[in-house]
C-alpha atoms as a PDB file:
ATOM      1  CA  PRO A   1      -0.056  -0.209   0.007  1.00  0.00           C
ATOM      2  CA  GLU A   2       0.970   3.399  -0.647  1.00  0.00           C
ATOM      3  CA  PRO A   3       1.979   5.655   2.299  1.00  0.00           C
ATOM      4  CA  GLU A   4      -0.329   8.241   3.583  1.00  0.00           C
ATOM      5  CA  PRO A   5       0.624  11.732   2.635  1.00  0.00           C
ATOM      6  CA  GLU A   6       2.040  13.506   5.618  1.00  0.00           C
ATOM      7  CA  ILE A   7      -0.150  16.499   6.513  1.00  0.00           C
ATOM      8  CA  ILE A   8       2.044  19.351   7.187  1.00  0.00           C
ATOM      9  CA  SER A   9       0.164  22.397   9.921  1.00  0.00           C
ATOM     10  CA  GLU A  10       1.201  25.467   8.523  1.00  0.00           C
ATOM     11  CA  PRO A  11       2.324  27.623  11.435  1.00  0.00           C
ATOM     12  CA  GLU A  12       0.139  30.661  13.018  1.00  0.00           C
ATOM     13  CA  PRO A  13       1.089  33.707  12.358  1.00  0.00           C
ATOM     14  CA  GLU A  14       2.801  35.290  15.722  1.00  0.00           C
ATOM     15  CA  ILE A  15       1.245  37.896  16.932  1.00  0.00           C
ATOM     16  CA  ILE A  16       3.611  40.818  17.617  1.00  0.00           C
ATOM     17  CA  PRO A  17       2.342  43.350  19.699  1.00  0.00           C
ATOM     18  CA  GLU A  18       2.128  47.052  19.449  1.00  0.00           C
ATOM     19  CA  PRO A  19       5.214  48.792  20.901  1.00  0.00           C
ATOM     20  CA  GLU A  20       3.847  50.862  23.853  1.00  0.00           C
ATOM     21  CA  PRO A  21       4.658  55.122  22.865  1.00  0.00           C
ATOM     22  CA  VAL A  22       7.871  55.601  24.424  1.00  0.00           C
ATOM     23  CA  LYS A  23       8.421  58.324  26.256  1.00  0.00           C
ATOM     24  CA  PRO A  24      11.117  61.198  26.043  1.00  0.00           C
ATOM     25  CA  ALA A  25      13.789  60.240  27.739  1.00  0.00           C
ATOM     26  CA  THR A  26      15.005  62.349  30.540  1.00  0.00           C
ATOM     27  CA  GLY A  27      18.460  62.099  32.191  1.00  0.00           C
ATOM     28  CA  SER A  28      22.227  62.632  31.618  1.00  0.00           C
ATOM     29  CA  PHE A  29      25.295  61.680  29.873  1.00  0.00           C
ATOM     30  CA  VAL A  30      28.101  60.355  31.992  1.00  0.00           C
ATOM     31  CA  ILE A  31      31.543  59.309  31.036  1.00  0.00           C
ATOM     32  CA  GLY A  32      32.270  55.357  31.368  1.00  0.00           C
ATOM     33  CA  PRO A  33      34.640  52.837  30.563  1.00  0.00           C
ATOM     34  CA  GLY A  34      32.993  52.578  26.890  1.00  0.00           C
ATOM     35  CA  GLY A  35      32.691  56.231  26.787  1.00  0.00           C
ATOM     36  CA  PHE A  36      29.851  58.164  26.916  1.00  0.00           C
ATOM     37  CA  SER A  37      26.480  56.566  27.760  1.00  0.00           C
ATOM     38  CA  PHE A  38      22.781  58.140  28.459  1.00  0.00           C
ATOM     39  CA  VAL A  39      21.604  57.268  31.707  1.00  0.00           C
ATOM     40  CA  ILE A  40      18.310  56.968  32.910  1.00  0.00           C
ATOM     41  CA  PRO A  41      17.073  58.031  36.427  1.00  0.00           C
ATOM     42  CA  ASP A  42      14.713  54.814  37.610  1.00  0.00           C
ATOM     43  CA  LYS A  43      12.037  58.059  38.137  1.00  0.00           C
ATOM     44  CA  ILE A  44      11.614  61.017  36.946  1.00  0.00           C
ATOM     45  CA  GLU A  45      10.766  63.807  39.581  1.00  0.00           C
ATOM     46  CA  GLU A  46       7.527  65.456  38.503  1.00  0.00           C
ATOM     47  CA  PRO A  47       7.962  69.206  38.790  1.00  0.00           C
ATOM     48  CA  ALA A  48       6.737  70.328  42.463  1.00  0.00           C
ATOM     49  CA  LYS A  49       3.330  72.004  41.730  1.00  0.00           C
ATOM     50  CA  PRO A  50       2.834  75.827  42.873  1.00  0.00           C
ATOM     51  CA  VAL A  51       0.691  75.843  46.734  1.00  0.00           C
ATOM     52  CA  PRO A  52      -1.326  78.517  46.558  1.00  0.00           C
ATOM     53  CA  GLU A  53      -1.310  80.806  49.160  1.00  0.00           C
ATOM     54  CA  PRO A  54      -4.315  80.911  51.622  1.00  0.00           C
ATOM     55  CA  THR A  55      -6.682  83.656  51.473  1.00  0.00           C
ATOM     56  CA  PRO A  56      -6.606  85.697  54.412  1.00  0.00           C
ATOM     57  CA  GLU A  57      -9.617  85.835  56.167  1.00  0.00           C
ATOM     58  CA  PRO A  58     -11.901  88.767  55.764  1.00  0.00           C
ATOM     59  CA  MET A  59     -11.595  91.066  58.822  1.00  0.00           C
ATOM     60  CA  PRO A  60     -14.374  92.551  61.112  1.00  0.00           C
ATOM     61  CA  GLU A  61     -15.572  96.460  60.341  1.00  0.00           C
ATOM     62  CA  THR A  62     -15.870  96.736  64.134  1.00  0.00           C
ATOM     63  CA  ALA A  63     -13.661  94.538  65.846  1.00  0.00           C
ATOM     64  CA  GLU A  64     -14.673  94.684  69.540  1.00  0.00           C
ATOM     65  CA  ILE A  65     -12.206  95.750  72.328  1.00  0.00           C
ATOM     66  CA  VAL A  66     -12.309  93.983  75.608  1.00  0.00           C
ATOM     67  CA  PRO A  67     -10.813  96.434  78.315  1.00  0.00           C
ATOM     68  CA  GLU A  68      -7.730  94.831  79.799  1.00  0.00           C
ATOM     69  CA  PRO A  69      -8.394  94.025  83.833  1.00  0.00           C
ATOM     70  CA  GLU A  70      -7.431  96.074  86.184  1.00  0.00           C
ATOM     71  CA  PRO A  71      -4.837  94.668  88.586  1.00  0.00           C
ATOM     72  CA  GLU A  72      -6.230  93.792  91.694  1.00  0.00           C
ATOM     73  CA  ILE A  73      -4.546  95.462  94.630  1.00  0.00           C
ATOM     74  CA  VAL A  74      -3.580  93.579  97.362  1.00  0.00           C
ATOM     75  CA  SER A  75      -3.804  95.583 100.676  1.00  0.00           C
ATOM     76  CA  VAL A  76      -0.784  94.541 103.080  1.00  0.00           C
ATOM     77  CA  PRO A  77      -1.720  94.698 106.583  1.00  0.00           C
ATOM     78  CA  GLU A  78      -0.006  96.473 108.924  1.00  0.00           C
ATOM     79  CA  PRO A  79       2.061  94.944 111.296  1.00  0.00           C
ATOM     80  CA  GLU A  80       0.616  94.447 115.009  1.00  0.00           C
ATOM     81  CA  VAL A  81       1.973  96.759 116.900  1.00  0.00           C
ATOM     82  CA  ILE A  82       2.068  95.056 120.454  1.00  0.00           C
ATOM     83  CA  PRO A  83       2.448  97.529 122.774  1.00  0.00           C
ATOM     84  CA  GLU A  84       4.963  97.748 125.773  1.00  0.00           C
ATOM     85  CA  THR A  85       3.498  95.870 128.783  1.00  0.00           C
ATOM     86  CA  ALA A  86       4.773  97.355 132.030  1.00  0.00           C
ATOM     87  CA  PRO A  87       5.563  94.614 134.910  1.00  0.00           C
ATOM     88  CA  GLU A  88       2.453  93.699 137.001  1.00  0.00           C
ATOM     89  CA  PRO A  89       2.710  95.088 140.420  1.00  0.00           C
ATOM     90  CA  GLU A  90       3.739  93.128 143.270  1.00  0.00           C
ATOM     91  CA  ILE A  91      -0.265  92.639 145.360  1.00  0.00           C
ATOM     92  CA  ALA A  92       0.312  93.290 148.598  1.00  0.00           C
ATOM     93  CA  PRO A  93      -0.900  91.432 151.117  1.00  0.00           C
ATOM     94  CA  GLU A  94      -4.492  92.469 152.780  1.00  0.00           C
ATOM     95  CA  PRO A  95      -3.739  93.970 156.488  1.00  0.00           C
ATOM     96  CA  ASN A  96      -4.006  91.134 158.979  1.00  0.00           C
ATOM     97  CA  LEU A  97      -4.403  92.581 162.504  1.00  0.00           C
ATOM     98  CA  LYS A  98      -6.815  89.470 163.887  1.00  0.00           C
ATOM     99  CA  PRO A  99      -4.728  87.406 166.076  1.00  0.00           C
ATOM    100  CA  GLU A 100      -3.955  84.308 165.124  1.00  0.00           C
ATOM    101  CA  ILE A 101      -2.119  82.855 168.080  1.00  0.00           C
ATOM    102  CA  PRO A 102      -2.659  79.229 168.587  1.00  0.00           C
ATOM    103  CA  ALA A 103      -4.912  78.370 171.937  1.00  0.00           C
ATOM    104  CA  ASP A 104      -2.352  76.572 173.663  1.00  0.00           C
ATOM    105  CA  LYS A 105       0.136  79.800 173.501  1.00  0.00           C
ATOM    106  CA  LEU A 106      -2.648  82.489 174.255  1.00  0.00           C
ATOM    107  CA  ALA A 107      -3.214  80.746 177.270  1.00  0.00           C
ATOM    108  CA  GLY A 108      -0.315  81.385 178.434  1.00  0.00           C
ATOM    109  CA  LEU A 109       0.178  85.278 177.743  1.00  0.00           C
ATOM    110  CA  THR A 110      -1.240  87.392 180.571  1.00  0.00           C
ATOM    111  CA  THR A 111       1.108  90.320 181.041  1.00  0.00           C
ATOM    112  CA  LEU A 112       2.222  92.521 178.587  1.00  0.00           C
ATOM    113  CA  ASP A 113       5.967  91.073 179.034  1.00  0.00           C
ATOM    114  CA  ASP A 114       4.556  87.916 177.931  1.00  0.00           C
ATOM    115  CA  PHE A 115       2.901  89.283 174.867  1.00  0.00           C
ATOM    116  CA  LEU A 116       6.392  90.941 174.157  1.00  0.00           C
ATOM    117  CA  ASP A 117       8.245  87.985 175.205  1.00  0.00           C
ATOM    118  CA  TYR A 118       6.339  85.577 172.790  1.00  0.00           C
ATOM    119  CA  ALA A 119       6.323  87.996 169.632  1.00  0.00           C
ATOM    120  CA  TYR A 120       9.871  88.851 170.017  1.00  0.00           C
ATOM    121  CA  SER A 121      10.551  85.091 170.132  1.00  0.00           C
ATOM    122  CA  GLU A 122       8.240  84.536 166.660  1.00  0.00           C
ATOM    123  CA  LYS A 123      10.226  87.378 164.799  1.00  0.00           C
ATOM    124  CA  ASP A 124      13.264  85.263 165.310  1.00  0.00           C
ATOM    125  CA  THR A 125      12.843  82.907 164.211  1.00  0.00           C
ATOM    126  CA  GLY A 126      11.037  84.880 161.276  1.00  0.00           C
ATOM    127  CA  ASN A 127       7.797  83.954 161.933  1.00  0.00           C
ATOM    128  CA  LEU A 128       6.605  87.620 161.468  1.00  0.00           C
ATOM    129  CA  PRO A 129       2.791  87.053 160.994  1.00  0.00           C
ATOM    130  CA  LEU A 130       2.463  85.510 164.566  1.00  0.00           C
ATOM    131  CA  ALA A 131       4.924  88.196 165.930  1.00  0.00           C
ATOM    132  CA  ALA A 132       2.587  90.899 164.370  1.00  0.00           C
ATOM    133  CA  ALA A 133      -0.505  89.034 166.043  1.00  0.00           C
ATOM    134  CA  ALA A 134       0.727  89.090 169.655  1.00  0.00           C
ATOM    135  CA  LEU A 135       2.055  92.849 169.392  1.00  0.00           C
ATOM    136  CA  ALA A 136      -1.424  93.968 167.868  1.00  0.00           C
ATOM    137  CA  MET A 137      -2.734  91.774 170.862  1.00  0.00           C
ATOM    138  CA  ALA A 138      -0.972  93.144 173.010  1.00  0.00           C
ATOM    139  CA  VAL A 139      -1.797  96.789 171.988  1.00  0.00           C
ATOM    140  CA  GLU A 140      -5.611  95.979 172.149  1.00  0.00           C
ATOM    141  CA  ARG A 141      -5.311  94.731 175.554  1.00  0.00           C
ATOM    142  CA  PHE A 142      -2.941  97.022 177.428  1.00  0.00           C
ATOM    143  CA  GLY A 143      -3.760 100.370 175.392  1.00  0.00           C
ATOM    144  CA  ASP A 144      -3.913 102.151 178.776  1.00  0.00           C
ATOM    145  CA  ASN A 145      -0.293 101.252 179.673  1.00  0.00           C
ATOM    146  CA  SER A 146       2.142 104.446 179.206  1.00  0.00           C
ATOM    147  CA  TYR A 147       4.439 101.568 177.208  1.00  0.00           C
ATOM    148  CA  ALA A 148       1.790 101.226 174.530  1.00  0.00           C
ATOM    149  CA  PRO A 149       3.175 103.961 172.210  1.00  0.00           C
ATOM    150  CA  PHE A 150       6.218 101.952 172.087  1.00  0.00           C
ATOM    151  CA  VAL A 151       4.160  98.238 171.376  1.00  0.00           C
ATOM    152  CA  VAL A 152       3.176 100.139 168.308  1.00  0.00           C
ATOM    153  CA  ILE A 153       5.988 101.430 166.728  1.00  0.00           C
ATOM    154  CA  GLU A 154       7.507  97.572 166.738  1.00  0.00           C
ATOM    155  CA  LEU A 155       3.917  96.293 165.373  1.00  0.00           C
ATOM    156  CA  ALA A 156       4.746  99.257 162.791  1.00  0.00           C
ATOM    157  CA  ASN A 157       8.425  97.579 162.069  1.00  0.00           C
ATOM    158  CA  VAL A 158       6.890  94.237 161.729  1.00  0.00           C
ATOM    159  CA  TYR A 159       4.165  94.888 159.597  1.00  0.00           C
ATOM    160  CA  LYS A 160       7.279  97.042 157.196  1.00  0.00           C
ATOM    161  CA  SER A 161       9.195  94.092 157.383  1.00  0.00           C
ATOM    162  CA  GLN A 162       6.342  91.956 155.748  1.00  0.00           C
ATOM    163  CA  GLY A 163       5.811  94.640 153.410  1.00  0.00           C
ATOM    164  CA  ASN A 164       2.574  95.455 154.373  1.00  0.00           C
ATOM    165  CA  TYR A 165       2.401  99.355 154.346  1.00  0.00           C
ATOM    166  CA  GLU A 166      -1.295  99.670 154.568  1.00  0.00           C
ATOM    167  CA  ALA A 167      -1.388  97.752 157.882  1.00  0.00           C
ATOM    168  CA  ALA A 168       1.603  99.583 159.113  1.00  0.00           C
ATOM    169  CA  ILE A 169      -0.079 103.213 158.262  1.00  0.00           C
ATOM    170  CA  LYS A 170      -3.613 101.455 159.966  1.00  0.00           C
ATOM    171  CA  ALA A 171      -1.526 101.338 163.402  1.00  0.00           C
ATOM    172  CA  TYR A 172       0.174 104.504 163.097  1.00  0.00           C
ATOM    173  CA  GLN A 173      -3.739 105.840 163.065  1.00  0.00           C
ATOM    174  CA  GLU A 174      -5.526 103.875 165.200  1.00  0.00           C
ATOM    175  CA  ALA A 175      -2.264 104.780 167.826  1.00  0.00           C
ATOM    176  CA  TYR A 176      -3.992 108.196 168.328  1.00  0.00           C
ATOM    177  CA  SER A 177      -6.602 107.428 170.235  1.00  0.00           C
ATOM    178  CA  LEU A 178      -3.952 105.638 172.624  1.00  0.00           C
ATOM    179  CA  PRO A 179      -4.340 107.767 176.076  1.00  0.00           C
ATOM    180  CA  ALA A 180      -0.133 108.345 176.371  1.00  0.00           C
ATOM    181  CA  VAL A 181      -0.170 109.650 172.316  1.00  0.00           C
ATOM    182  CA  ALA A 182      -3.508 112.316 172.891  1.00  0.00           C
ATOM    183  CA  ALA A 183      -1.877 113.648 176.015  1.00  0.00           C
ATOM    184  CA  ASP A 184       1.580 114.313 174.262  1.00  0.00           C
ATOM    185  CA  GLU A 185       1.298 116.199 171.070  1.00  0.00           C
ATOM    186  CA  PHE A 186       5.348 115.237 169.879  1.00  0.00           C
ATOM    187  CA  ALA A 187       4.111 111.752 170.427  1.00  0.00           C
ATOM    188  CA  ALA A 188       1.054 112.239 168.014  1.00  0.00           C
ATOM    189  CA  ALA A 189       3.280 114.557 165.530  1.00  0.00           C
ATOM    190  CA  GLN A 190       5.732 111.650 165.474  1.00  0.00           C
ATOM    191  CA  PHE A 191       3.188 109.444 164.414  1.00  0.00           C
ATOM    192  CA  ARG A 192       1.609 111.642 161.735  1.00  0.00           C
ATOM    193  CA  SER A 193       5.111 111.900 159.930  1.00  0.00           C
ATOM    194  CA  SER A 194       5.949 108.170 160.089  1.00  0.00           C
ATOM    195  CA  GLU A 195       2.509 107.900 158.554  1.00  0.00           C
ATOM    196  CA  GLU A 196       2.654 110.658 155.962  1.00  0.00           C
ATOM    197  CA  TYR A 197       6.568 108.676 155.389  1.00  0.00           C
ATOM    198  CA  LEU A 198       4.976 105.670 154.646  1.00  0.00           C
ATOM    199  CA  THR A 199       2.111 106.843 152.141  1.00  0.00           C
ATOM    200  CA  LYS A 200       5.516 108.375 149.972  1.00  0.00           C
ATOM    201  CA  LEU A 201       7.325 105.240 150.407  1.00  0.00           C
ATOM    202  CA  MET A 202       4.351 103.560 148.613  1.00  0.00           C
ATOM    203  CA  THR A 203       3.333 105.917 145.651  1.00  0.00           C
ATOM    204  CA  VAL A 204       7.668 105.210 145.479  1.00  0.00           C
ATOM    205  CA  LEU A 205       7.306 101.587 145.629  1.00  0.00           C
ATOM    206  CA  GLU A 206       3.866 101.244 143.541  1.00  0.00           C
ATOM    207  CA  LYS A 207       5.885 103.411 140.693  1.00  0.00           C
ATOM    208  CA  HIS A 208       8.558 100.524 140.127  1.00  0.00           C
ATOM    209  CA  GLY A 209       5.996  97.974 140.313  1.00  0.00           C
ATOM    210  CA  LYS A 210       7.282  96.564 143.887  1.00  0.00           C
ATOM    211  CA  PRO A 211       4.409  97.861 146.103  1.00  0.00           C
ATOM    212  CA  GLY A 212       4.984  94.541 148.467  1.00  0.00           C
ATOM    213  CA  LEU A 213       8.672  94.765 148.981  1.00  0.00           C
ATOM    214  CA  SER A 214       9.946  94.527 152.407  1.00  0.00           C
ATOM    215  CA  PHE A 215      11.319  97.917 153.711  1.00  0.00           C
ATOM    216  CA  THR A 216      14.720  96.267 154.843  1.00  0.00           C
ATOM    217  CA  GLU A 217      15.127  95.236 151.085  1.00  0.00           C
ATOM    218  CA  ILE A 218      14.473  98.658 149.738  1.00  0.00           C
ATOM    219  CA  PRO A 219      17.209 100.323 147.240  1.00  0.00           C
ATOM    220  CA  GLU A 220      18.440 103.003 148.616  1.00  0.00           C
ATOM    221  CA  ASP A 221      17.585 104.924 145.395  1.00  0.00           C
ATOM    222  CA  TYR A 222      14.223 104.831 145.948  1.00  0.00           C
ATOM    223  CA  PHE A 223      14.467 106.627 149.356  1.00  0.00           C
ATOM    224  CA  ARG A 224      15.882 109.308 147.492  1.00  0.00           C
ATOM    225  CA  GLU A 225      12.689 109.639 145.307  1.00  0.00           C
ATOM    226  CA  ILE A 226      10.540 110.092 148.557  1.00  0.00           C
ATOM    227  CA  LEU A 227      10.084 114.129 148.685  1.00  0.00           C
END
């Protein structure tokens, strides 16, 4: 049998895509080993577009004027002036003319000498209140005695040692009623002079803020102030 004829298939025509339009190249020439070459950058920078300037907002025809607040005036408090306080005067003890002799001691005092002995013994031991009580009772019981004015003087001295000048002045004033003083003008004048002296002394002591200062502790300068 005869061989079948070989069927030769014609090749399909090759479709060649149309070339894309070539953009004009932008680059620069450089000198390399092979001479001049044209280098195209990977990315072509487009020229920057101009940024439009912001349109200014129209100003209002009449702008409201806000007044600035006035500064607050803070008043500084004035420093407190504390007045100087004068020294508080010492409180003089209240006159105590009532006897405070214990009952057992009082029972043994019968004469003027008994009262004087007891008063002097208490004075020597520093117990001035009991000494004054004994002397005051002696004047009360033996006021008619001619020695009574001297007992008054001793009583006033004890009061002055206690700083109780009011009691001493009162003792001088009560002495005017004693028979021995009432009959003796000179003795009465002495008591009046002593009374006036203590009154002035009290004024000086009060000025210095020491009205209860004992007579034995008064500075000499104070005595010179007595007019």
